[in-house]
N, C-alpha and C. Protein backbone atom coordinates (compact mmCIF):
# COMPACT_ATOMS: atom_id res chain seq x y z
N MET A 1 -7.83 -14.12 26.35
CA MET A 1 -6.37 -14.30 25.39
C MET A 1 -5.23 -13.54 25.88
N GLN A 2 -3.64 -14.87 25.52
CA GLN A 2 -2.17 -14.27 26.24
C GLN A 2 -2.38 -14.08 24.69
N ILE A 3 -1.84 -12.09 24.94
CA ILE A 3 -1.21 -10.87 23.27
C ILE A 3 0.09 -10.75 23.99
N PRO A 4 1.50 -11.89 22.86
CA PRO A 4 2.69 -10.95 23.30
C PRO A 4 2.65 -9.91 22.93
N ILE A 5 3.89 -9.51 23.75
CA ILE A 5 4.82 -8.30 23.42
C ILE A 5 5.34 -7.72 22.89
N LEU A 6 3.99 -6.10 21.73
CA LEU A 6 4.41 -5.89 20.79
C LEU A 6 6.19 -5.81 21.68
N GLN A 7 6.93 -6.32 20.16
CA GLN A 7 8.33 -5.73 19.86
C GLN A 7 8.82 -4.27 17.99
N PRO A 8 8.37 -3.01 18.76
CA PRO A 8 8.65 -2.79 17.67
C PRO A 8 10.40 -2.48 17.19
N SER A 9 10.46 -2.21 16.18
CA SER A 9 11.78 -2.21 15.19
C SER A 9 11.77 -0.27 15.12
N THR A 10 12.62 0.22 15.36
CA THR A 10 13.43 1.73 14.97
C THR A 10 13.11 1.58 12.65
N ARG A 11 13.29 0.83 11.77
CA ARG A 11 13.95 0.51 10.81
C ARG A 11 12.13 0.57 10.39
N ASP A 12 11.85 2.31 9.05
CA ASP A 12 10.91 1.95 8.56
C ASP A 12 11.16 2.58 7.06
N ARG A 13 11.55 1.58 7.19
CA ARG A 13 11.65 1.48 5.52
C ARG A 13 10.86 1.56 4.35
N GLU A 14 10.36 0.15 5.26
CA GLU A 14 9.60 -0.57 4.15
C GLU A 14 7.88 -0.26 4.52
N PHE A 15 8.03 -0.20 6.00
CA PHE A 15 6.71 0.98 5.94
C PHE A 15 6.31 1.97 5.34
N LYS A 16 7.13 3.04 4.54
CA LYS A 16 6.98 4.13 4.38
C LYS A 16 6.38 4.17 2.90
N GLN A 17 7.29 3.05 3.13
CA GLN A 17 7.10 2.66 1.27
C GLN A 17 5.45 1.55 0.58
N ARG A 18 4.92 2.40 1.66
CA ARG A 18 3.76 1.36 1.57
C ARG A 18 2.54 2.14 1.87
N ASP A 19 1.47 1.47 1.25
CA ASP A 19 -0.07 2.61 1.30
C ASP A 19 -0.73 1.30 2.44
N PHE A 20 -2.12 2.32 2.86
CA PHE A 20 -2.46 1.95 4.45
C PHE A 20 -3.67 0.24 3.11
N ASP A 21 -3.75 0.17 2.66
CA ASP A 21 -4.49 -1.16 2.56
C ASP A 21 -3.12 -1.89 2.36
N GLN A 22 -2.08 -2.09 1.41
CA GLN A 22 -0.75 -2.64 1.39
C GLN A 22 -0.71 -3.51 2.91
N ILE A 23 -1.07 -2.23 3.82
CA ILE A 23 -0.06 -3.01 5.16
C ILE A 23 -1.85 -3.33 5.21
N SER A 24 -2.30 -2.47 6.44
CA SER A 24 -4.14 -3.42 6.25
C SER A 24 -3.91 -4.68 5.35
N ARG A 25 -3.64 -5.62 4.15
CA ARG A 25 -3.21 -6.62 3.93
C ARG A 25 -1.90 -7.77 4.28
N ILE A 26 -0.96 -6.83 4.76
CA ILE A 26 -0.03 -7.99 5.22
C ILE A 26 -0.07 -7.92 6.46
N ILE A 27 -0.66 -7.05 7.57
CA ILE A 27 -1.18 -6.77 9.14
C ILE A 27 -2.60 -8.65 8.86
N TYR A 28 -3.68 -7.72 8.11
CA TYR A 28 -3.62 -8.91 8.14
C TYR A 28 -3.95 -10.74 8.20
N ASN A 29 -3.33 -10.57 6.41
CA ASN A 29 -2.56 -12.28 6.59
C ASN A 29 -1.51 -12.54 7.52
N TRP A 30 -0.96 -11.80 8.69
CA TRP A 30 -0.24 -12.72 9.42
C TRP A 30 -0.58 -12.54 10.63
N LEU A 31 -1.64 -11.96 10.96
CA LEU A 31 -2.35 -12.13 12.10
C LEU A 31 -3.71 -13.22 12.29
N PHE A 32 -4.17 -13.63 11.33
CA PHE A 32 -5.13 -14.35 10.33
C PHE A 32 -5.41 -15.85 10.65
N PHE A 33 -3.77 -15.87 9.40
CA PHE A 33 -3.28 -17.52 9.14
C PHE A 33 -2.70 -17.74 9.06
N ASP A 34 -2.21 -18.84 10.16
CA ASP A 34 -0.63 -19.19 10.08
C ASP A 34 0.13 -20.52 9.84
N ASP A 35 -0.74 -20.58 8.25
CA ASP A 35 0.20 -21.40 6.85
C ASP A 35 0.44 -20.33 6.22
N VAL A 36 1.05 -18.71 6.42
CA VAL A 36 0.92 -18.36 5.97
C VAL A 36 2.75 -17.36 6.32
N GLY A 37 3.30 -17.51 5.43
CA GLY A 37 4.98 -16.82 5.55
C GLY A 37 5.39 -15.57 5.23
N HIS A 38 6.37 -14.62 5.52
CA HIS A 38 6.79 -13.40 5.12
C HIS A 38 7.05 -13.60 3.37
N ARG A 39 7.21 -14.43 2.86
CA ARG A 39 7.44 -14.21 1.25
C ARG A 39 6.26 -14.54 0.84
N GLU A 40 5.41 -15.41 1.07
CA GLU A 40 3.97 -15.80 0.01
C GLU A 40 3.39 -13.93 0.67
N ILE A 41 3.21 -13.22 1.80
CA ILE A 41 3.09 -12.65 1.87
C ILE A 41 3.18 -11.02 0.46
N ASP A 42 4.42 -10.63 0.92
CA ASP A 42 5.76 -10.52 -0.17
C ASP A 42 4.40 -10.67 -1.56
N ARG A 43 4.50 -12.17 -2.29
CA ARG A 43 3.71 -12.19 -3.30
C ARG A 43 2.35 -12.32 -3.93
N ASP A 44 2.03 -12.99 -2.64
CA ASP A 44 0.18 -12.26 -2.43
C ASP A 44 -0.14 -11.00 -2.21
N VAL A 45 0.55 -10.22 -1.61
CA VAL A 45 0.19 -8.86 -1.04
C VAL A 45 0.90 -7.56 -2.29
N LEU A 46 1.81 -7.99 -2.31
CA LEU A 46 3.15 -7.00 -2.83
C LEU A 46 3.36 -6.84 -4.01
N GLY A 47 2.58 -8.14 -4.52
CA GLY A 47 2.98 -8.33 -5.47
C GLY A 47 4.75 -9.04 -6.13
N LEU A 48 4.82 -9.00 -5.43
CA LEU A 48 6.91 -9.02 -5.41
C LEU A 48 6.99 -10.94 -6.06
N ASP A 49 7.81 -11.09 -6.21
CA ASP A 49 9.03 -12.06 -6.61
C ASP A 49 9.43 -13.09 -5.68
N PRO A 50 9.25 -13.56 -4.78
CA PRO A 50 9.50 -14.14 -3.46
C PRO A 50 11.01 -14.55 -3.59
N LEU A 51 11.60 -15.39 -5.21
CA LEU A 51 12.76 -15.42 -4.86
C LEU A 51 13.68 -14.35 -5.20
N SER A 52 12.92 -12.94 -5.19
CA SER A 52 13.97 -11.77 -5.09
C SER A 52 13.71 -11.25 -3.44
N SER A 53 12.52 -10.78 -3.33
CA SER A 53 12.41 -9.93 -2.31
C SER A 53 12.57 -11.13 -0.80
N LYS A 54 12.25 -11.95 -0.70
CA LYS A 54 12.56 -13.47 0.64
C LYS A 54 12.06 -12.65 1.25
N GLY A 55 11.26 -12.33 1.08
CA GLY A 55 10.01 -12.01 2.48
C GLY A 55 10.27 -11.20 3.22
N TRP A 56 11.14 -10.09 3.63
CA TRP A 56 12.31 -9.08 3.60
C TRP A 56 10.50 -7.71 3.99
N GLN A 57 10.37 -7.67 2.67
CA GLN A 57 9.15 -6.05 2.65
C GLN A 57 8.20 -6.56 3.32
N SER A 58 7.12 -7.44 4.30
CA SER A 58 6.77 -7.59 4.45
C SER A 58 6.78 -7.46 5.67
N MET A 59 7.92 -8.34 6.29
CA MET A 59 8.75 -8.89 7.47
C MET A 59 9.13 -7.15 7.93
N GLY A 60 9.69 -6.08 7.57
CA GLY A 60 10.09 -5.23 6.78
C GLY A 60 8.46 -3.69 7.95
N VAL A 61 8.40 -4.62 7.44
CA VAL A 61 6.66 -3.67 7.78
C VAL A 61 5.61 -3.99 9.60
N LEU A 62 6.30 -5.48 9.69
CA LEU A 62 5.25 -6.25 10.89
C LEU A 62 6.25 -5.89 12.01
N HIS A 63 7.85 -5.61 11.78
CA HIS A 63 8.75 -6.03 12.23
C HIS A 63 8.77 -4.71 13.26
N PHE A 64 8.51 -2.99 12.00
CA PHE A 64 7.88 -2.15 12.30
C PHE A 64 7.44 -1.36 13.54
N LEU A 65 6.00 -2.66 13.14
CA LEU A 65 5.15 -2.19 13.81
C LEU A 65 4.71 -3.12 15.75
N GLY A 66 5.97 -4.60 15.53
CA GLY A 66 5.95 -4.61 16.99
C GLY A 66 5.41 -6.47 16.26
N LEU A 67 4.97 -7.25 15.06
CA LEU A 67 4.35 -7.86 15.02
C LEU A 67 4.88 -9.69 15.15
N LYS A 68 6.20 -9.89 15.92
CA LYS A 68 6.81 -10.62 15.00
C LYS A 68 6.00 -12.26 15.14
N LYS A 69 7.29 -12.80 15.35
CA LYS A 69 6.67 -14.65 14.87
C LYS A 69 5.34 -14.65 16.02
N GLU A 70 5.39 -13.97 17.40
CA GLU A 70 4.62 -14.44 17.73
C GLU A 70 3.29 -14.10 17.60
N PHE A 71 3.28 -13.16 17.05
CA PHE A 71 1.33 -13.26 16.61
C PHE A 71 1.30 -14.37 15.54
N LYS A 72 2.27 -14.56 14.90
CA LYS A 72 1.45 -15.08 13.75
C LYS A 72 0.81 -15.84 14.12
N GLY A 73 -0.93 -15.91 13.08
CA GLY A 73 -1.13 -16.94 12.99
C GLY A 73 -2.80 -16.93 14.00
N ILE A 74 -2.16 -15.40 15.31
CA ILE A 74 -2.84 -15.75 16.65
C ILE A 74 -4.67 -15.09 17.06
N PHE A 75 -4.57 -15.37 15.30
CA PHE A 75 -6.41 -14.67 15.46
C PHE A 75 -7.07 -16.04 14.31
N VAL A 76 -5.96 -17.14 14.03
CA VAL A 76 -7.14 -18.05 13.32
C VAL A 76 -8.18 -17.85 13.80
N GLY A 77 -9.65 -18.33 13.49
CA GLY A 77 -10.72 -18.88 13.55
C GLY A 77 -11.16 -17.20 14.24
N LEU A 78 -11.06 -16.56 14.64
CA LEU A 78 -11.54 -15.00 14.98
C LEU A 78 -12.00 -13.99 13.79
N SER A 79 -12.40 -13.54 14.44
CA SER A 79 -13.29 -12.77 13.26
C SER A 79 -12.60 -11.37 13.82
N VAL A 80 -12.20 -10.17 12.39
CA VAL A 80 -11.65 -9.42 13.32
C VAL A 80 -11.97 -8.57 14.07
N ARG A 81 -13.96 -8.40 14.24
CA ARG A 81 -14.37 -7.74 15.38
C ARG A 81 -13.01 -8.00 16.86
N GLU A 82 -13.25 -9.38 16.52
CA GLU A 82 -12.95 -10.17 17.91
C GLU A 82 -12.02 -10.02 18.09
N ALA A 83 -11.00 -9.76 17.26
CA ALA A 83 -9.25 -9.21 16.97
C ALA A 83 -9.11 -8.75 17.24
N ILE A 84 -10.39 -7.18 17.17
CA ILE A 84 -9.92 -5.90 17.15
C ILE A 84 -10.70 -5.95 19.07
N LYS A 85 -11.33 -6.86 19.82
CA LYS A 85 -11.90 -6.66 20.85
C LYS A 85 -10.85 -7.05 21.37
N HIS A 86 -9.71 -7.53 21.17
CA HIS A 86 -9.17 -8.90 22.17
C HIS A 86 -7.88 -7.56 22.61
N LEU A 87 -7.29 -7.08 21.02
CA LEU A 87 -6.14 -6.18 20.65
C LEU A 87 -6.91 -4.61 21.87
N GLU A 88 -8.03 -4.16 21.80
CA GLU A 88 -8.35 -2.98 23.54
C GLU A 88 -8.90 -3.65 24.25
N GLU A 89 -8.61 -4.67 24.61
CA GLU A 89 -8.67 -4.81 25.58
C GLU A 89 -7.16 -5.44 26.50
N ASP A 90 -6.09 -5.31 25.89
CA ASP A 90 -4.99 -5.50 25.74
C ASP A 90 -4.27 -4.62 26.85
N LYS A 91 -3.18 -4.33 27.70
CA LYS A 91 -2.75 -3.16 27.91
C LYS A 91 -2.03 -2.51 27.41
N GLN A 92 -1.64 -3.35 26.55
CA GLN A 92 -0.70 -2.84 24.98
C GLN A 92 -1.15 -1.24 24.73
N ASP A 93 -0.78 -1.00 23.43
CA ASP A 93 -1.42 0.33 22.70
C ASP A 93 -1.74 -0.67 21.42
N PHE A 94 -1.78 -1.54 20.94
CA PHE A 94 -2.48 -1.80 19.18
C PHE A 94 -3.01 -1.17 18.87
N SER A 95 -3.55 0.18 19.06
CA SER A 95 -4.62 1.43 18.04
C SER A 95 -3.22 1.31 16.78
N GLN A 96 -2.28 1.45 16.07
CA GLN A 96 -2.28 1.37 15.15
C GLN A 96 -3.29 0.12 14.17
N ILE A 97 -2.76 -0.74 15.22
CA ILE A 97 -2.83 -1.67 14.27
C ILE A 97 -4.62 -2.24 14.16
N VAL A 98 -5.32 -1.66 15.23
CA VAL A 98 -6.45 -1.35 15.05
C VAL A 98 -7.55 -0.83 13.78
N MET A 99 -5.78 0.48 13.36
CA MET A 99 -6.48 1.15 12.61
C MET A 99 -6.70 0.81 11.57
N PHE A 100 -5.26 -0.11 11.47
CA PHE A 100 -5.14 -0.72 9.91
C PHE A 100 -6.32 -1.75 9.71
N LEU A 101 -6.85 -2.93 11.06
CA LEU A 101 -7.73 -4.08 10.69
C LEU A 101 -9.12 -2.72 10.89
N SER A 102 -9.29 -2.42 11.01
CA SER A 102 -10.52 -1.40 11.19
C SER A 102 -11.32 -2.07 9.78
N ASP A 103 -13.28 -1.38 9.61
CA ASP A 103 -13.90 -1.16 8.74
C ASP A 103 -13.12 -1.45 7.25
N ASP A 104 -13.11 0.13 7.58
CA ASP A 104 -12.32 1.10 6.37
C ASP A 104 -11.87 0.41 5.24
N GLY A 105 -10.93 -0.51 5.90
CA GLY A 105 -9.54 -1.03 5.64
C GLY A 105 -9.87 -1.91 4.97
N LEU A 106 -9.99 -2.85 5.78
CA LEU A 106 -10.27 -4.59 4.98
C LEU A 106 -11.39 -4.60 4.99
N PHE A 107 -12.72 -4.12 5.31
CA PHE A 107 -13.90 -5.00 4.81
C PHE A 107 -13.70 -4.17 2.95
N THR A 108 -12.71 -3.02 2.59
CA THR A 108 -12.88 -2.87 1.20
C THR A 108 -11.73 -3.56 0.62
N GLU A 109 -11.30 -4.11 0.85
CA GLU A 109 -10.01 -4.99 0.11
C GLU A 109 -10.80 -6.29 -0.17
N VAL A 110 -11.51 -6.73 1.17
CA VAL A 110 -12.41 -7.89 1.39
C VAL A 110 -13.44 -8.05 -0.06
N ASN A 111 -14.09 -6.79 -0.55
CA ASN A 111 -15.12 -6.75 -1.40
C ASN A 111 -14.26 -6.65 -2.65
N LYS A 112 -12.50 -6.78 -2.72
CA LYS A 112 -12.02 -6.62 -3.57
C LYS A 112 -11.65 -7.81 -4.02
N ASN A 113 -11.97 -8.38 -3.29
CA ASN A 113 -11.36 -9.98 -3.31
C ASN A 113 -9.65 -10.18 -3.33
N ILE A 114 -8.78 -8.97 -2.79
CA ILE A 114 -7.67 -9.31 -2.70
C ILE A 114 -7.48 -9.68 -1.72
N VAL A 115 -7.94 -10.14 -0.82
CA VAL A 115 -7.46 -11.46 0.86
C VAL A 115 -8.12 -12.32 -0.06
N ASN A 116 -7.67 -13.18 -0.31
CA ASN A 116 -8.93 -13.92 -1.27
C ASN A 116 -8.24 -15.21 -1.90
N LYS A 117 -7.35 -16.05 -0.79
CA LYS A 117 -6.61 -16.96 -1.01
C LYS A 117 -7.17 -18.39 -1.96
N ASP A 118 -8.50 -18.34 -1.98
CA ASP A 118 -9.46 -20.30 -1.99
C ASP A 118 -10.48 -19.02 -3.25
N LYS A 119 -10.38 -17.52 -4.61
CA LYS A 119 -11.16 -17.67 -4.83
C LYS A 119 -12.58 -18.30 -5.19
N LYS A 120 -12.53 -16.94 -3.18
CA LYS A 120 -14.17 -17.83 -2.97
C LYS A 120 -14.55 -16.67 -3.04
N SER A 121 -16.21 -15.94 -3.67
CA SER A 121 -16.63 -14.84 -3.78
C SER A 121 -16.69 -13.64 -2.53
N SER A 122 -17.32 -12.41 -2.34
CA SER A 122 -16.21 -11.74 -1.26
C SER A 122 -17.65 -11.95 0.18
N ASP A 123 -18.42 -12.50 -0.23
CA ASP A 123 -19.76 -12.63 0.40
C ASP A 123 -19.12 -13.92 1.68
N GLU A 124 -18.42 -15.01 0.56
CA GLU A 124 -18.21 -15.98 1.23
C GLU A 124 -17.33 -15.82 2.62
N ILE A 125 -16.54 -15.13 1.94
CA ILE A 125 -15.23 -14.64 2.53
C ILE A 125 -15.61 -14.24 3.83
N ILE A 126 -15.99 -12.65 3.78
CA ILE A 126 -17.65 -12.59 5.00
C ILE A 126 -17.37 -12.91 5.70
N GLU A 127 -18.77 -13.84 5.34
CA GLU A 127 -19.37 -14.69 6.19
C GLU A 127 -17.91 -15.52 6.84
N GLU A 128 -17.06 -16.26 6.39
CA GLU A 128 -16.33 -17.58 6.36
C GLU A 128 -15.65 -17.29 8.30
N LYS A 129 -14.75 -15.48 7.48
CA LYS A 129 -13.30 -14.63 8.04
C LYS A 129 -14.40 -13.91 9.23
N PHE A 130 -14.86 -12.89 9.20
CA PHE A 130 -15.65 -11.55 10.26
C PHE A 130 -16.82 -12.28 10.57
N CYS A 131 -17.62 -13.28 10.46
CA CYS A 131 -19.18 -13.85 11.44
C CYS A 131 -18.72 -14.87 11.86
N THR A 132 -19.03 -15.14 13.37
CA THR A 132 -19.55 -16.31 13.48
C THR A 132 -20.57 -16.27 13.89
N SER A 133 -21.50 -16.03 13.76
CA SER A 133 -22.90 -16.33 13.85
C SER A 133 -23.56 -15.13 12.95
N GLU A 134 -25.25 -15.94 12.33
CA GLU A 134 -25.93 -15.03 10.89
C GLU A 134 -26.22 -13.41 11.76
N ASP A 135 -26.14 -12.81 12.74
CA ASP A 135 -26.41 -12.21 13.55
C ASP A 135 -25.14 -10.98 13.69
N GLN A 136 -24.07 -11.81 12.71
CA GLN A 136 -22.98 -11.15 12.72
C GLN A 136 -23.17 -10.31 11.03
N ILE A 137 -23.84 -11.70 9.82
CA ILE A 137 -23.10 -11.22 8.70
C ILE A 137 -23.84 -9.49 8.34
N PRO A 138 -22.74 -8.26 7.37
CA PRO A 138 -23.04 -7.46 7.06
C PRO A 138 -23.98 -6.87 6.43
N THR A 139 -24.73 -6.20 6.44
CA THR A 139 -25.71 -6.01 5.49
C THR A 139 -25.15 -5.65 4.69
N ASN A 140 -26.16 -5.53 3.60
CA ASN A 140 -25.59 -4.81 2.80
C ASN A 140 -25.25 -2.99 2.40
N THR A 141 -26.20 -2.33 2.97
CA THR A 141 -25.06 -1.35 3.28
C THR A 141 -24.31 -1.06 3.62
N GLU A 142 -23.48 -2.03 4.70
CA GLU A 142 -22.42 -1.62 6.08
C GLU A 142 -21.37 -1.85 4.34
N ILE A 143 -21.12 -3.47 3.23
CA ILE A 143 -21.04 -3.33 2.27
C ILE A 143 -20.98 -2.41 1.49
N GLU A 144 -21.78 -2.36 0.61
CA GLU A 144 -21.97 -0.60 -0.11
C GLU A 144 -21.09 0.37 0.46
N SER A 145 -21.29 0.62 1.93
CA SER A 145 -20.55 1.62 2.14
C SER A 145 -19.13 1.46 2.21
N ALA A 146 -18.70 0.57 2.64
CA ALA A 146 -17.41 -0.05 2.15
C ALA A 146 -16.20 0.35 0.62
N GLN A 147 -17.84 -0.17 -0.22
CA GLN A 147 -17.61 -0.14 -1.83
C GLN A 147 -17.07 1.03 -1.78
N LYS A 148 -17.59 1.84 -1.28
CA LYS A 148 -17.56 3.24 -1.54
C LYS A 148 -16.98 4.34 -1.09
N PHE A 149 -16.10 4.02 0.29
CA PHE A 149 -14.81 4.59 0.16
C PHE A 149 -14.30 3.99 -0.19
N GLY A 150 -14.11 3.07 -1.11
CA GLY A 150 -12.53 2.54 -1.22
C GLY A 150 -13.03 3.24 -3.03
N GLN A 151 -13.71 4.05 -2.87
CA GLN A 151 -14.41 4.98 -4.83
C GLN A 151 -13.94 6.31 -4.53
N ARG A 152 -14.49 6.36 -3.65
CA ARG A 152 -13.60 7.68 -2.72
C ARG A 152 -12.52 8.06 -2.32
N LYS A 153 -12.13 7.47 -2.23
CA LYS A 153 -10.26 7.25 -2.33
C LYS A 153 -9.88 7.26 -3.84
N ASN A 154 -10.05 6.57 -4.70
CA ASN A 154 -9.95 5.81 -6.26
C ASN A 154 -10.64 7.45 -6.53
N TYR A 155 -11.61 8.33 -6.49
CA TYR A 155 -12.28 9.98 -7.14
C TYR A 155 -10.64 11.12 -6.53
N LYS A 156 -10.28 10.99 -5.18
CA LYS A 156 -9.98 12.07 -4.96
C LYS A 156 -8.22 11.94 -5.56
N ASN A 157 -7.99 10.82 -5.67
CA ASN A 157 -6.91 10.80 -6.41
C ASN A 157 -7.30 10.78 -7.69
N LEU A 158 -7.83 10.93 -8.28
CA LEU A 158 -8.32 11.20 -10.20
C LEU A 158 -8.04 12.78 -9.59
N LEU A 159 -8.30 13.09 -9.13
CA LEU A 159 -8.59 14.55 -8.23
C LEU A 159 -7.80 15.12 -8.69
N PHE A 160 -6.63 14.51 -7.76
CA PHE A 160 -5.63 15.68 -8.02
C PHE A 160 -4.94 15.16 -8.58
N ILE A 161 -4.89 14.52 -9.19
CA ILE A 161 -4.29 14.76 -10.66
C ILE A 161 -4.36 15.08 -11.49
N PHE A 162 -5.74 15.73 -11.78
CA PHE A 162 -6.84 16.39 -13.19
C PHE A 162 -6.15 17.85 -12.43
N LEU A 163 -6.33 17.71 -11.36
CA LEU A 163 -5.95 19.24 -10.82
C LEU A 163 -4.30 19.32 -10.39
N LEU A 164 -3.48 18.65 -11.00
CA LEU A 164 -1.87 18.67 -11.21
C LEU A 164 -2.03 19.33 -12.49
N LEU A 165 -2.32 18.13 -13.70
CA LEU A 165 -2.23 19.21 -14.87
C LEU A 165 -3.04 19.94 -15.47
N VAL A 166 -3.87 20.53 -14.54
CA VAL A 166 -4.37 22.29 -14.75
C VAL A 166 -3.17 23.08 -14.65
N ALA A 167 -3.22 22.75 -13.53
CA ALA A 167 -1.95 23.86 -12.88
C ALA A 167 -0.65 23.85 -14.02
N VAL A 168 -0.61 22.49 -14.03
CA VAL A 168 0.72 22.44 -14.70
C VAL A 168 0.35 23.37 -16.65
N VAL A 169 -0.76 22.81 -17.30
CA VAL A 169 -1.16 23.38 -18.40
C VAL A 169 -1.10 25.14 -17.88
N ILE A 170 -1.61 25.33 -16.54
CA ILE A 170 -1.73 26.90 -16.47
C ILE A 170 -0.53 27.62 -16.79
N LEU A 171 0.54 27.29 -16.19
CA LEU A 171 1.96 27.41 -15.71
C LEU A 171 2.12 27.22 -17.18
N ILE A 172 2.57 26.24 -18.23
CA ILE A 172 3.31 26.48 -19.53
C ILE A 172 2.64 27.87 -20.38
N TYR A 173 1.05 27.00 -20.00
CA TYR A 173 -0.62 28.84 -21.35
C TYR A 173 0.28 30.05 -20.73
N SER A 174 0.81 30.74 -19.31
CA SER A 174 1.76 32.12 -19.11
C SER A 174 3.29 31.94 -19.27
N PHE A 175 3.62 31.14 -18.99
CA PHE A 175 5.11 31.52 -20.26
C PHE A 175 5.62 31.49 -21.48
N THR A 176 3.93 31.07 -22.17
CA THR A 176 4.25 30.97 -23.76
C THR A 176 3.89 33.02 -23.90
N GLN A 177 2.96 32.83 -23.08
CA GLN A 177 2.28 34.64 -23.61
C GLN A 177 3.61 35.80 -23.41
């Protein structure tokens, strides 16, 4: 498979405004669908009004990573594992893109039905998009592990907020004494 040349831009503003999951979904939609444009990604992934965002947000993220129009839909019909294999075999450094496509990010999002254009169940998406044969279907343990990864991230955020609130209460209490 011939993979286009990465052409990263230096503008990182849109990239820095997005979290890991959003960037993962932006990359996934760009590489695995040939009928999705920047405006649709802004709407479906980022929840923005495409008439006002005009696709600039997702385009900025993709261009910062070097994923220009030549990459659009390059992996249609392939599983994520196959795509990662192609990227890793290429002489270019796709390590950052591979990280965003890795099981940690993408399987979690698929299980939440976030990358779900046809309102299919998580199992249908996993079988359709990631599996080319029966022996590649993720086990329940793999799926549960991906779900727990997402829950751990939420737990860490809640813990941080709780600790921050405790610190504020302690500060307020110490000033009132």
